[in-house]
Amino acid sequence: MSVDFGVVVDQLVGFAPLILLVVLFWAIAMRPARKQRENVAKMQRELAIGDEIVTTAGIFGTVHQLAETRLGLEVAPGVVIEMARQAVVRKVDPAELAAEPDDEDGTPDEAESE
């Protein structure tokens, strides 16, 4: 039984574009996503009391208590909710808080001025 190496090489060359597409997809999509997950996990491990954060649900608050897998998030003065550390998406940049207007037109809310 003999193997025709020319046929084998032709078949491998036929699969080359498919293999190239898989490698390209990994380089473009999977690798950066893994790097971002690693950065988020590092940020979650390094949280400190007093950090302003945003959760996956879009809730803003201040870290009030810390445990290994949970944290206490102060969402209003005196209101602390308990949540998983993994639900923290990012820390809020202090410049971001200062730059946000109170209202869409940039004017303070009427209720705050009373």
Protein backbone atom coordinates (compact mmCIF):
# COMPACT_ATOMS: atom_id res chain seq x y z
CA MET A 1 0.00 0.00 0.00
CA SER A 2 1.60 3.26 -1.08
CA VAL A 3 0.63 6.79 -0.24
CA ASP A 4 0.66 9.42 -2.93
CA PHE A 5 2.26 12.39 -1.19
CA GLY A 6 1.15 14.73 -3.96
CA VAL A 7 -2.52 14.08 -3.10
CA VAL A 8 -1.85 14.56 0.63
CA VAL A 9 -0.07 17.86 -0.01
CA ASP A 10 -2.92 19.03 -2.27
CA GLN A 11 -5.46 18.24 0.47
CA LEU A 12 -3.43 20.11 3.09
CA VAL A 13 -3.12 23.11 0.77
CA GLY A 14 -6.90 23.00 0.33
CA PHE A 15 -7.37 23.26 4.13
CA ALA A 16 -4.84 26.09 4.51
CA PRO A 17 -7.37 28.94 3.97
CA LEU A 18 -9.71 27.41 6.56
CA ILE A 19 -6.88 27.05 9.08
CA LEU A 20 -5.78 30.61 8.35
CA LEU A 21 -9.33 31.88 8.99
CA VAL A 22 -9.50 30.09 12.35
CA VAL A 23 -6.15 31.54 13.42
CA LEU A 24 -7.16 35.00 12.23
CA PHE A 25 -10.47 34.81 14.13
CA TRP A 26 -8.62 33.83 17.31
CA ALA A 27 -6.14 36.70 16.91
CA ILE A 28 -8.84 39.30 16.27
CA ALA A 29 -11.65 38.21 18.59
CA MET A 30 -10.61 35.76 21.26
CA ARG A 31 -7.23 37.06 22.35
CA PRO A 32 -8.30 40.67 23.11
CA ALA A 33 -11.42 39.40 24.93
CA ARG A 34 -9.28 37.17 27.15
CA LYS A 35 -6.95 40.09 27.90
CA GLN A 36 -9.91 42.28 28.86
CA ARG A 37 -11.31 39.56 31.17
CA GLU A 38 -7.92 39.33 32.87
CA ASN A 39 -7.84 43.12 33.36
CA VAL A 40 -11.36 43.14 34.86
CA ALA A 41 -10.49 40.25 37.20
CA LYS A 42 -7.37 42.11 38.35
CA MET A 43 -9.40 45.28 38.99
CA GLN A 44 -11.96 43.25 40.98
CA ARG A 45 -9.20 41.77 43.15
CA GLU A 46 -7.67 45.21 43.80
CA LEU A 47 -10.89 46.97 44.87
CA ALA A 48 -10.58 49.12 47.99
CA ILE A 49 -13.07 50.69 50.36
CA GLY A 50 -14.09 54.09 49.01
CA ASP A 51 -13.71 53.20 45.31
CA GLU A 52 -16.51 54.46 43.07
CA ILE A 53 -17.63 51.57 40.85
CA VAL A 54 -20.18 50.52 38.22
CA THR A 55 -21.84 47.09 38.29
CA THR A 56 -22.90 44.89 35.38
CA ALA A 57 -26.46 46.14 35.99
CA GLY A 58 -25.33 49.76 35.59
CA ILE A 59 -25.59 50.60 39.30
CA PHE A 60 -23.15 53.23 40.52
CA GLY A 61 -21.96 53.20 44.11
CA THR A 62 -19.12 53.35 46.58
CA VAL A 63 -17.40 50.28 48.00
CA HIS A 64 -18.35 50.23 51.69
CA GLN A 65 -17.25 46.72 52.78
CA LEU A 66 -15.00 44.08 51.26
CA ALA A 67 -14.86 40.30 51.61
CA GLU A 68 -13.18 37.66 49.48
CA THR A 69 -16.05 37.10 47.04
CA ARG A 70 -18.56 39.80 48.08
CA LEU A 71 -18.66 43.50 48.73
CA GLY A 72 -20.98 46.03 50.31
CA LEU A 73 -21.94 48.74 47.84
CA GLU A 74 -23.32 52.03 49.16
CA VAL A 75 -25.82 53.17 46.54
CA ALA A 76 -27.27 56.05 48.57
CA PRO A 77 -26.33 57.58 51.92
CA GLY A 78 -26.87 54.81 54.48
CA VAL A 79 -28.10 52.27 51.89
CA VAL A 80 -25.62 49.39 51.48
CA ILE A 81 -26.36 46.39 49.28
CA GLU A 82 -24.36 43.17 49.25
CA MET A 83 -23.20 41.84 45.91
CA ALA A 84 -20.63 39.58 44.26
CA ARG A 85 -17.29 41.12 43.34
CA GLN A 86 -17.64 39.58 39.88
CA ALA A 87 -20.55 41.96 39.20
CA VAL A 88 -18.19 44.96 39.21
CA VAL A 89 -17.45 46.11 35.67
CA ARG A 90 -15.16 49.06 36.26
CA LYS A 91 -14.05 51.82 38.58
CA VAL A 92 -15.51 55.26 37.94
CA ASP A 93 -12.97 57.88 36.96
CA PRO A 94 -13.33 60.94 39.27
CA ALA A 95 -13.02 63.20 36.21
CA GLU A 96 -16.02 61.40 34.70
CA LEU A 97 -18.18 62.26 37.72
CA ALA A 98 -17.14 65.92 37.65
CA ALA A 99 -17.77 66.25 33.91
CA GLU A 100 -21.35 64.89 33.93
CA PRO A 101 -24.06 67.56 33.98
CA ASP A 102 -27.03 67.08 36.34
CA ASP A 103 -29.50 67.25 33.47
CA GLU A 104 -29.43 66.70 29.71
CA ASP A 105 -29.31 70.45 29.02
CA GLY A 106 -26.50 70.96 31.53
CA THR A 107 -28.61 72.73 34.14
CA PRO A 108 -29.14 71.45 37.68
CA ASP A 109 -32.42 69.70 38.51
CA GLU A 110 -35.13 71.93 40.02
CA ALA A 111 -35.55 69.67 43.04
CA GLU A 112 -31.87 70.09 43.94
CA SER A 113 -32.06 73.89 43.88
CA GLU A 114 -34.89 74.09 46.41
